[in-house]
Amino acid sequence: MLKTAIVIPDRHIPLHDESACNIVLQAIEIIKPDIFIDLGDVGEWESVSHWRYKRRKRPPLEYQLPLINEEIKQVNDELDKWDRALAKVGCEDKRICTGNHDIWLNDFVEEFPYLKDYTFNNVCRWKERGFKVYEHNEPLKIGKLVFVHGVYTTVYHARQHLSAYGTSIIYGHVHDVQSATQTKLDSGTIGAWSLGCLKDMTREKNKWLKGKLHNWKHCFGIVHFYPNGNFIVETVDIVKGKTVLWGEELEG
């Protein structure tokens, strides 16, 4: 029996792009996926970032915790919205690939081991939400396709992921849309797809870029899986809060 998955890249909540995310939420209602895959960097997690206090002294923990708790609330409020959309269409198979921003929470707990409730798994309540969690760049495999958050950031990162993993792969992390294919003598054609991001790309929300131009793009993926493990990948670009999905125009 054919199964369909919706795959979303980096949201970086609360720096997510509302219009782009709203389009994916509409797509969930149209597609009614059997599987939902989140490629990670769910939150920006600036409150626990290693870079936050790079040029200044870190304040006492009692000053940091209210900021961390506020960011956790913002992330969970947005996750609740997505859970409601998935529940409405009966999608129960939900997977999350831990991103490099997400593990900043775990690094924070390593520094303050008595704050075990602040790990990525705990603050997002993944078990309660019914998600299966994959560790940072632990391969999530369905049929003949692998999903990870993303490893390589070179100019030709799709080609590098394809060469390194030696199998078809979908990933996020780099925030741009790119693909590569290669034909193997024994296994046939394999491909790699980078799915962009769902993060707000404005200068105001990405001050660390310091106005630098970038090649980020809003996008999400649809994967149709055949029982024998074969699959078909669709990438859906979102341009200024609009897209066309299966002949239907959507606006966020």
C-alpha atoms as a PDB file:
ATOM      1  CA  MET A   1       0.000   0.000   0.000  1.00  0.00           C
ATOM      2  CA  LEU A   2       1.328   3.428  -0.980  1.00  0.00           C
ATOM      3  CA  LYS A   3       2.204   5.698   1.979  1.00  0.00           C
ATOM      4  CA  THR A   4       2.791   9.438   1.871  1.00  0.00           C
ATOM      5  CA  ALA A   5       5.008  11.546   4.115  1.00  0.00           C
ATOM      6  CA  ILE A   6       5.282  15.295   4.601  1.00  0.00           C
ATOM      7  CA  VAL A   7       8.841  16.374   5.419  1.00  0.00           C
ATOM      8  CA  ILE A   8       9.592  19.790   6.909  1.00  0.00           C
ATOM      9  CA  PRO A   9      12.981  21.492   7.337  1.00  0.00           C
ATOM     10  CA  ASP A  10      14.313  23.927   9.939  1.00  0.00           C
ATOM     11  CA  ARG A  11      11.675  26.158  11.569  1.00  0.00           C
ATOM     12  CA  HIS A  12      13.824  27.805  14.255  1.00  0.00           C
ATOM     13  CA  ILE A  13      10.784  28.739  16.352  1.00  0.00           C
ATOM     14  CA  PRO A  14      10.110  31.543  17.383  1.00  0.00           C
ATOM     15  CA  LEU A  15      11.970  32.823  14.311  1.00  0.00           C
ATOM     16  CA  HIS A  16       9.797  30.682  12.019  1.00  0.00           C
ATOM     17  CA  ASP A  17       8.125  32.249   8.995  1.00  0.00           C
ATOM     18  CA  GLU A  18       4.394  32.364   9.792  1.00  0.00           C
ATOM     19  CA  SER A  19       3.270  32.435   6.144  1.00  0.00           C
ATOM     20  CA  ALA A  20       5.475  29.521   5.088  1.00  0.00           C
ATOM     21  CA  CYS A  21       4.422  27.445   8.096  1.00  0.00           C
ATOM     22  CA  ASN A  22       0.751  28.224   7.474  1.00  0.00           C
ATOM     23  CA  ILE A  23       1.115  26.897   3.942  1.00  0.00           C
ATOM     24  CA  VAL A  24       2.513  23.586   5.229  1.00  0.00           C
ATOM     25  CA  LEU A  25      -0.334  23.361   7.742  1.00  0.00           C
ATOM     26  CA  GLN A  26      -2.779  23.777   4.838  1.00  0.00           C
ATOM     27  CA  ALA A  27      -0.840  21.146   2.875  1.00  0.00           C
ATOM     28  CA  ILE A  28      -1.255  18.684   5.747  1.00  0.00           C
ATOM     29  CA  GLU A  29      -5.021  19.062   5.457  1.00  0.00           C
ATOM     30  CA  ILE A  30      -4.908  18.515   1.682  1.00  0.00           C
ATOM     31  CA  ILE A  31      -2.404  15.643   1.594  1.00  0.00           C
ATOM     32  CA  LYS A  32      -3.506  13.846   4.777  1.00  0.00           C
ATOM     33  CA  PRO A  33      -0.073  12.244   5.211  1.00  0.00           C
ATOM     34  CA  ASP A  34       0.527   8.842   6.757  1.00  0.00           C
ATOM     35  CA  ILE A  35       3.910   9.993   8.073  1.00  0.00           C
ATOM     36  CA  PHE A  36       5.222  13.339   9.332  1.00  0.00           C
ATOM     37  CA  ILE A  37       8.986  13.914   9.435  1.00  0.00           C
ATOM     38  CA  ASP A  38      10.618  16.956  11.042  1.00  0.00           C
ATOM     39  CA  LEU A  39      14.256  17.406   9.999  1.00  0.00           C
ATOM     40  CA  GLY A  40      15.142  19.322  13.166  1.00  0.00           C
ATOM     41  CA  ASP A  41      16.244  22.736  14.357  1.00  0.00           C
ATOM     42  CA  VAL A  42      12.750  22.962  15.743  1.00  0.00           C
ATOM     43  CA  GLY A  43      13.716  25.956  17.868  1.00  0.00           C
ATOM     44  CA  GLU A  44      16.254  28.714  17.474  1.00  0.00           C
ATOM     45  CA  TRP A  45      17.200  28.150  21.160  1.00  0.00           C
ATOM     46  CA  GLU A  46      19.029  31.467  21.332  1.00  0.00           C
ATOM     47  CA  SER A  47      18.511  31.495  25.102  1.00  0.00           C
ATOM     48  CA  VAL A  48      20.954  28.567  25.500  1.00  0.00           C
ATOM     49  CA  SER A  49      23.191  29.366  22.535  1.00  0.00           C
ATOM     50  CA  HIS A  50      26.950  29.156  22.999  1.00  0.00           C
ATOM     51  CA  TRP A  51      27.202  32.452  21.127  1.00  0.00           C
ATOM     52  CA  ARG A  52      24.798  34.478  23.253  1.00  0.00           C
ATOM     53  CA  TYR A  53      27.435  35.516  25.791  1.00  0.00           C
ATOM     54  CA  LYS A  54      30.476  35.305  23.520  1.00  0.00           C
ATOM     55  CA  ARG A  55      31.520  38.917  24.049  1.00  0.00           C
ATOM     56  CA  ARG A  56      30.154  39.485  27.537  1.00  0.00           C
ATOM     57  CA  LYS A  57      30.076  37.785  30.888  1.00  0.00           C
ATOM     58  CA  ARG A  58      27.374  35.180  31.348  1.00  0.00           C
ATOM     59  CA  PRO A  59      24.817  36.285  33.962  1.00  0.00           C
ATOM     60  CA  PRO A  60      23.720  34.129  36.913  1.00  0.00           C
ATOM     61  CA  LEU A  61      21.450  31.169  36.171  1.00  0.00           C
ATOM     62  CA  GLU A  62      18.466  32.829  37.847  1.00  0.00           C
ATOM     63  CA  TYR A  63      18.663  35.528  35.166  1.00  0.00           C
ATOM     64  CA  GLN A  64      18.958  33.017  32.293  1.00  0.00           C
ATOM     65  CA  LEU A  65      16.099  30.678  33.279  1.00  0.00           C
ATOM     66  CA  PRO A  66      13.186  33.102  32.673  1.00  0.00           C
ATOM     67  CA  LEU A  67      14.505  33.721  29.136  1.00  0.00           C
ATOM     68  CA  ILE A  68      14.903  29.998  28.516  1.00  0.00           C
ATOM     69  CA  ASN A  69      11.428  29.253  29.890  1.00  0.00           C
ATOM     70  CA  GLU A  70       9.888  31.897  27.635  1.00  0.00           C
ATOM     71  CA  GLU A  71      11.526  30.407  24.551  1.00  0.00           C
ATOM     72  CA  ILE A  72      10.380  26.921  25.577  1.00  0.00           C
ATOM     73  CA  LYS A  73       6.815  28.231  25.864  1.00  0.00           C
ATOM     74  CA  GLN A  74       6.974  29.841  22.423  1.00  0.00           C
ATOM     75  CA  VAL A  75       8.231  26.613  20.853  1.00  0.00           C
ATOM     76  CA  ASN A  76       5.583  24.456  22.524  1.00  0.00           C
ATOM     77  CA  ASP A  77       2.755  26.828  21.616  1.00  0.00           C
ATOM     78  CA  GLU A  78       3.753  26.446  17.954  1.00  0.00           C
ATOM     79  CA  LEU A  79       4.214  22.671  18.253  1.00  0.00           C
ATOM     80  CA  ASP A  80       0.700  22.397  19.711  1.00  0.00           C
ATOM     81  CA  LYS A  81      -0.638  24.003  16.528  1.00  0.00           C
ATOM     82  CA  TRP A  82       1.105  21.395  14.365  1.00  0.00           C
ATOM     83  CA  ASP A  83      -0.061  18.550  16.604  1.00  0.00           C
ATOM     84  CA  ARG A  84      -3.661  19.683  16.168  1.00  0.00           C
ATOM     85  CA  ALA A  85      -3.269  19.742  12.375  1.00  0.00           C
ATOM     86  CA  LEU A  86      -1.781  16.227  12.321  1.00  0.00           C
ATOM     87  CA  ALA A  87      -4.420  14.875  14.706  1.00  0.00           C
ATOM     88  CA  LYS A  88      -7.175  16.311  12.501  1.00  0.00           C
ATOM     89  CA  VAL A  89      -6.031  14.185   9.525  1.00  0.00           C
ATOM     90  CA  GLY A  90      -5.234  11.115  11.657  1.00  0.00           C
ATOM     91  CA  CYS A  91      -1.456  11.148  11.155  1.00  0.00           C
ATOM     92  CA  GLU A  92       0.030   9.148  14.032  1.00  0.00           C
ATOM     93  CA  ASP A  93       3.440   8.182  12.609  1.00  0.00           C
ATOM     94  CA  LYS A  94       5.536  11.208  13.603  1.00  0.00           C
ATOM     95  CA  ARG A  95       9.342  11.401  13.575  1.00  0.00           C
ATOM     96  CA  ILE A  96      11.804  14.110  14.644  1.00  0.00           C
ATOM     97  CA  CYS A  97      15.494  14.343  13.665  1.00  0.00           C
ATOM     98  CA  THR A  98      17.342  16.323  16.317  1.00  0.00           C
ATOM     99  CA  GLY A  99      19.089  19.387  14.853  1.00  0.00           C
ATOM    100  CA  ASN A 100      22.332  21.107  15.789  1.00  0.00           C
ATOM    101  CA  HIS A 101      20.421  23.999  17.407  1.00  0.00           C
ATOM    102  CA  ASP A 102      18.277  21.516  19.340  1.00  0.00           C
ATOM    103  CA  ILE A 103      21.281  19.881  21.011  1.00  0.00           C
ATOM    104  CA  TRP A 104      22.214  23.235  22.553  1.00  0.00           C
ATOM    105  CA  LEU A 105      19.592  22.370  25.180  1.00  0.00           C
ATOM    106  CA  ASN A 106      21.406  19.119  25.946  1.00  0.00           C
ATOM    107  CA  ASP A 107      24.700  21.022  26.169  1.00  0.00           C
ATOM    108  CA  PHE A 108      23.042  23.370  28.665  1.00  0.00           C
ATOM    109  CA  VAL A 109      21.993  20.385  30.813  1.00  0.00           C
ATOM    110  CA  GLU A 110      25.543  19.008  30.667  1.00  0.00           C
ATOM    111  CA  GLU A 111      26.694  22.282  32.191  1.00  0.00           C
ATOM    112  CA  PHE A 112      23.891  22.257  34.776  1.00  0.00           C
ATOM    113  CA  PRO A 113      23.189  18.507  35.274  1.00  0.00           C
ATOM    114  CA  TYR A 114      20.612  19.120  37.999  1.00  0.00           C
ATOM    115  CA  LEU A 115      18.322  20.700  35.339  1.00  0.00           C
ATOM    116  CA  LYS A 116      17.473  17.436  33.575  1.00  0.00           C
ATOM    117  CA  ASP A 117      13.999  18.716  32.604  1.00  0.00           C
ATOM    118  CA  TYR A 118      15.689  21.081  30.127  1.00  0.00           C
ATOM    119  CA  THR A 119      16.894  18.467  27.635  1.00  0.00           C
ATOM    120  CA  PHE A 120      15.520  18.767  24.089  1.00  0.00           C
ATOM    121  CA  ASN A 121      13.353  15.665  24.486  1.00  0.00           C
ATOM    122  CA  ASN A 122      11.881  16.874  27.769  1.00  0.00           C
ATOM    123  CA  VAL A 123      11.163  20.515  26.945  1.00  0.00           C
ATOM    124  CA  CYS A 124       9.374  19.612  23.703  1.00  0.00           C
ATOM    125  CA  ARG A 125       7.515  16.680  25.317  1.00  0.00           C
ATOM    126  CA  TRP A 126       8.157  14.466  22.286  1.00  0.00           C
ATOM    127  CA  LYS A 127       7.073  11.260  24.025  1.00  0.00           C
ATOM    128  CA  GLU A 128       3.832  12.884  25.125  1.00  0.00           C
ATOM    129  CA  ARG A 129       3.311  14.189  21.583  1.00  0.00           C
ATOM    130  CA  GLY A 130       3.770  10.697  20.131  1.00  0.00           C
ATOM    131  CA  PHE A 131       7.000  11.375  18.219  1.00  0.00           C
ATOM    132  CA  LYS A 132       9.848   8.952  17.688  1.00  0.00           C
ATOM    133  CA  VAL A 133      13.072  10.905  18.290  1.00  0.00           C
ATOM    134  CA  TYR A 134      16.299  10.368  16.342  1.00  0.00           C
ATOM    135  CA  GLU A 135      19.543  11.706  17.785  1.00  0.00           C
ATOM    136  CA  HIS A 136      21.530  14.373  15.979  1.00  0.00           C
ATOM    137  CA  ASN A 137      22.293  12.954  12.503  1.00  0.00           C
ATOM    138  CA  GLU A 138      21.183   9.468  13.484  1.00  0.00           C
ATOM    139  CA  PRO A 139      19.823   8.077  10.183  1.00  0.00           C
ATOM    140  CA  LEU A 140      16.052   7.719   9.972  1.00  0.00           C
ATOM    141  CA  LYS A 141      15.405   5.118   7.279  1.00  0.00           C
ATOM    142  CA  ILE A 142      12.120   4.383   5.519  1.00  0.00           C
ATOM    143  CA  GLY A 143      12.313   2.035   2.566  1.00  0.00           C
ATOM    144  CA  LYS A 144      15.270   3.020   0.398  1.00  0.00           C
ATOM    145  CA  LEU A 145      15.443   6.593   1.693  1.00  0.00           C
ATOM    146  CA  VAL A 146      17.367   8.055   4.652  1.00  0.00           C
ATOM    147  CA  PHE A 147      16.615  11.271   6.547  1.00  0.00           C
ATOM    148  CA  VAL A 148      19.058  13.236   8.730  1.00  0.00           C
ATOM    149  CA  HIS A 149      19.220  16.812   9.970  1.00  0.00           C
ATOM    150  CA  GLY A 150      22.251  17.513   7.776  1.00  0.00           C
ATOM    151  CA  VAL A 151      26.031  17.365   8.015  1.00  0.00           C
ATOM    152  CA  TYR A 152      27.852  19.106   5.179  1.00  0.00           C
ATOM    153  CA  THR A 153      27.687  22.819   4.313  1.00  0.00           C
ATOM    154  CA  THR A 154      29.949  23.058   1.268  1.00  0.00           C
ATOM    155  CA  VAL A 155      28.789  24.715  -1.972  1.00  0.00           C
ATOM    156  CA  TYR A 156      27.877  21.306  -3.412  1.00  0.00           C
ATOM    157  CA  HIS A 157      26.452  19.885  -0.202  1.00  0.00           C
ATOM    158  CA  ALA A 158      23.886  17.651  -1.943  1.00  0.00           C
ATOM    159  CA  ARG A 159      26.647  15.911  -3.870  1.00  0.00           C
ATOM    160  CA  GLN A 160      28.710  15.579  -0.685  1.00  0.00           C
ATOM    161  CA  HIS A 161      25.828  14.054   1.316  1.00  0.00           C
ATOM    162  CA  LEU A 162      25.177  11.630  -1.542  1.00  0.00           C
ATOM    163  CA  SER A 163      28.821  10.602  -1.772  1.00  0.00           C
ATOM    164  CA  ALA A 164      29.293  10.239   1.995  1.00  0.00           C
ATOM    165  CA  TYR A 165      26.111   8.272   2.733  1.00  0.00           C
ATOM    166  CA  GLY A 166      26.052   6.276  -0.516  1.00  0.00           C
ATOM    167  CA  THR A 167      22.255   6.127  -0.492  1.00  0.00           C
ATOM    168  CA  SER A 168      19.285   8.362  -1.216  1.00  0.00           C
ATOM    169  CA  ILE A 169      18.957  11.010   1.471  1.00  0.00           C
ATOM    170  CA  ILE A 170      16.849  14.028   2.483  1.00  0.00           C
ATOM    171  CA  TYR A 171      18.199  16.652   4.886  1.00  0.00           C
ATOM    172  CA  GLY A 172      17.857  20.255   6.088  1.00  0.00           C
ATOM    173  CA  HIS A 173      20.415  22.300   8.032  1.00  0.00           C
ATOM    174  CA  VAL A 174      21.802  24.457   5.189  1.00  0.00           C
ATOM    175  CA  HIS A 175      18.508  26.336   4.543  1.00  0.00           C
ATOM    176  CA  ASP A 176      18.824  26.261   0.745  1.00  0.00           C
ATOM    177  CA  VAL A 177      17.238  23.993  -1.860  1.00  0.00           C
ATOM    178  CA  GLN A 178      19.606  21.707  -3.747  1.00  0.00           C
ATOM    179  CA  SER A 179      19.581  18.212  -5.212  1.00  0.00           C
ATOM    180  CA  ALA A 180      21.968  15.751  -6.812  1.00  0.00           C
ATOM    181  CA  THR A 181      21.658  12.318  -8.381  1.00  0.00           C
ATOM    182  CA  GLN A 182      24.069   9.524  -9.142  1.00  0.00           C
ATOM    183  CA  THR A 183      23.644   6.162 -10.866  1.00  0.00           C
ATOM    184  CA  LYS A 184      25.297   3.112  -9.293  1.00  0.00           C
ATOM    185  CA  LEU A 185      25.916  -0.045 -11.277  1.00  0.00           C
ATOM    186  CA  ASP A 186      24.277  -2.340  -8.702  1.00  0.00           C
ATOM    187  CA  SER A 187      21.699  -0.134  -6.948  1.00  0.00           C
ATOM    188  CA  GLY A 188      20.562   2.147  -9.771  1.00  0.00           C
ATOM    189  CA  THR A 189      19.945   5.872  -9.356  1.00  0.00           C
ATOM    190  CA  ILE A 190      20.205   7.454  -5.907  1.00  0.00           C
ATOM    191  CA  GLY A 191      19.529  11.074  -4.976  1.00  0.00           C
ATOM    192  CA  ALA A 192      20.069  13.711  -2.295  1.00  0.00           C
ATOM    193  CA  TRP A 193      17.630  16.539  -1.550  1.00  0.00           C
ATOM    194  CA  SER A 194      18.139  19.594   0.654  1.00  0.00           C
ATOM    195  CA  LEU A 195      14.746  21.015   1.607  1.00  0.00           C
ATOM    196  CA  GLY A 196      15.560  24.635   2.470  1.00  0.00           C
ATOM    197  CA  CYS A 197      13.942  26.016   5.617  1.00  0.00           C
ATOM    198  CA  LEU A 198      10.783  27.466   7.153  1.00  0.00           C
ATOM    199  CA  LYS A 199      12.651  30.193   9.031  1.00  0.00           C
ATOM    200  CA  ASP A 200      11.946  33.921   8.756  1.00  0.00           C
ATOM    201  CA  MET A 201      14.588  35.139   6.301  1.00  0.00           C
ATOM    202  CA  THR A 202      14.335  38.870   6.957  1.00  0.00           C
ATOM    203  CA  ARG A 203      17.342  40.895   8.057  1.00  0.00           C
ATOM    204  CA  GLU A 204      15.573  41.895  11.290  1.00  0.00           C
ATOM    205  CA  LYS A 205      15.188  38.275  12.399  1.00  0.00           C
ATOM    206  CA  ASN A 206      18.720  37.226  11.394  1.00  0.00           C
ATOM    207  CA  LYS A 207      20.875  39.967  12.831  1.00  0.00           C
ATOM    208  CA  TRP A 208      23.873  37.661  13.107  1.00  0.00           C
ATOM    209  CA  LEU A 209      24.064  37.631   9.281  1.00  0.00           C
ATOM    210  CA  LYS A 210      24.847  41.364   9.480  1.00  0.00           C
ATOM    211  CA  GLY A 211      22.968  42.064   6.246  1.00  0.00           C
ATOM    212  CA  LYS A 212      24.888  39.442   4.250  1.00  0.00           C
ATOM    213  CA  LEU A 213      23.031  38.058   1.224  1.00  0.00           C
ATOM    214  CA  HIS A 214      22.182  34.358   1.422  1.00  0.00           C
ATOM    215  CA  ASN A 215      20.668  31.617  -0.707  1.00  0.00           C
ATOM    216  CA  TRP A 216      18.019  30.401   1.745  1.00  0.00           C
ATOM    217  CA  LYS A 217      14.636  29.322   0.429  1.00  0.00           C
ATOM    218  CA  HIS A 218      11.300  28.265   1.914  1.00  0.00           C
ATOM    219  CA  CYS A 219      10.356  24.736   0.946  1.00  0.00           C
ATOM    220  CA  PHE A 220       8.970  21.418   2.187  1.00  0.00           C
ATOM    221  CA  GLY A 221       8.900  17.887   0.832  1.00  0.00           C
ATOM    222  CA  ILE A 222       6.377  15.195   0.000  1.00  0.00           C
ATOM    223  CA  VAL A 223       7.523  11.585  -0.317  1.00  0.00           C
ATOM    224  CA  HIS A 224       5.420   8.731  -1.662  1.00  0.00           C
ATOM    225  CA  PHE A 225       6.667   5.298  -0.514  1.00  0.00           C
ATOM    226  CA  TYR A 226       5.909   2.075  -2.379  1.00  0.00           C
ATOM    227  CA  PRO A 227       5.717  -1.224  -0.460  1.00  0.00           C
ATOM    228  CA  ASN A 228       8.998  -2.429  -2.058  1.00  0.00           C
ATOM    229  CA  GLY A 229      10.896   0.561  -0.598  1.00  0.00           C
ATOM    230  CA  ASN A 230      10.986   2.657  -3.762  1.00  0.00           C
ATOM    231  CA  PHE A 231       9.856   6.252  -3.448  1.00  0.00           C
ATOM    232  CA  ILE A 232       9.038   9.469  -5.294  1.00  0.00           C
ATOM    233  CA  VAL A 233      10.121  12.860  -3.892  1.00  0.00           C
ATOM    234  CA  GLU A 234       8.265  16.123  -4.533  1.00  0.00           C
ATOM    235  CA  THR A 235       9.813  19.414  -3.413  1.00  0.00           C
ATOM    236  CA  VAL A 236       7.352  22.253  -2.920  1.00  0.00           C
ATOM    237  CA  ASP A 237       8.833  25.748  -3.106  1.00  0.00           C
ATOM    238  CA  ILE A 238       7.185  28.590  -1.195  1.00  0.00           C
ATOM    239  CA  VAL A 239       7.696  32.063  -2.667  1.00  0.00           C
ATOM    240  CA  LYS A 240       6.724  35.098  -0.595  1.00  0.00           C
ATOM    241  CA  GLY A 241       4.092  33.161   1.319  1.00  0.00           C
ATOM    242  CA  LYS A 242       2.537  31.445  -1.704  1.00  0.00           C
ATOM    243  CA  THR A 243       2.764  28.094  -3.460  1.00  0.00           C
ATOM    244  CA  VAL A 244       0.827  25.775  -5.758  1.00  0.00           C
ATOM    245  CA  LEU A 245       0.152  22.263  -4.487  1.00  0.00           C
ATOM    246  CA  TRP A 246      -1.383  19.679  -6.802  1.00  0.00           C
ATOM    247  CA  GLY A 247      -3.017  22.415  -8.860  1.00  0.00           C
ATOM    248  CA  GLU A 248      -4.352  24.333  -5.856  1.00  0.00           C
ATOM    249  CA  GLU A 249      -2.947  27.768  -5.023  1.00  0.00           C
ATOM    250  CA  LEU A 250      -2.154  28.236  -1.334  1.00  0.00           C
ATOM    251  CA  GLU A 251      -1.436  31.453   0.487  1.00  0.00           C
ATOM    252  CA  GLY A 252      -0.058  31.700   3.990  1.00  0.00           C
END
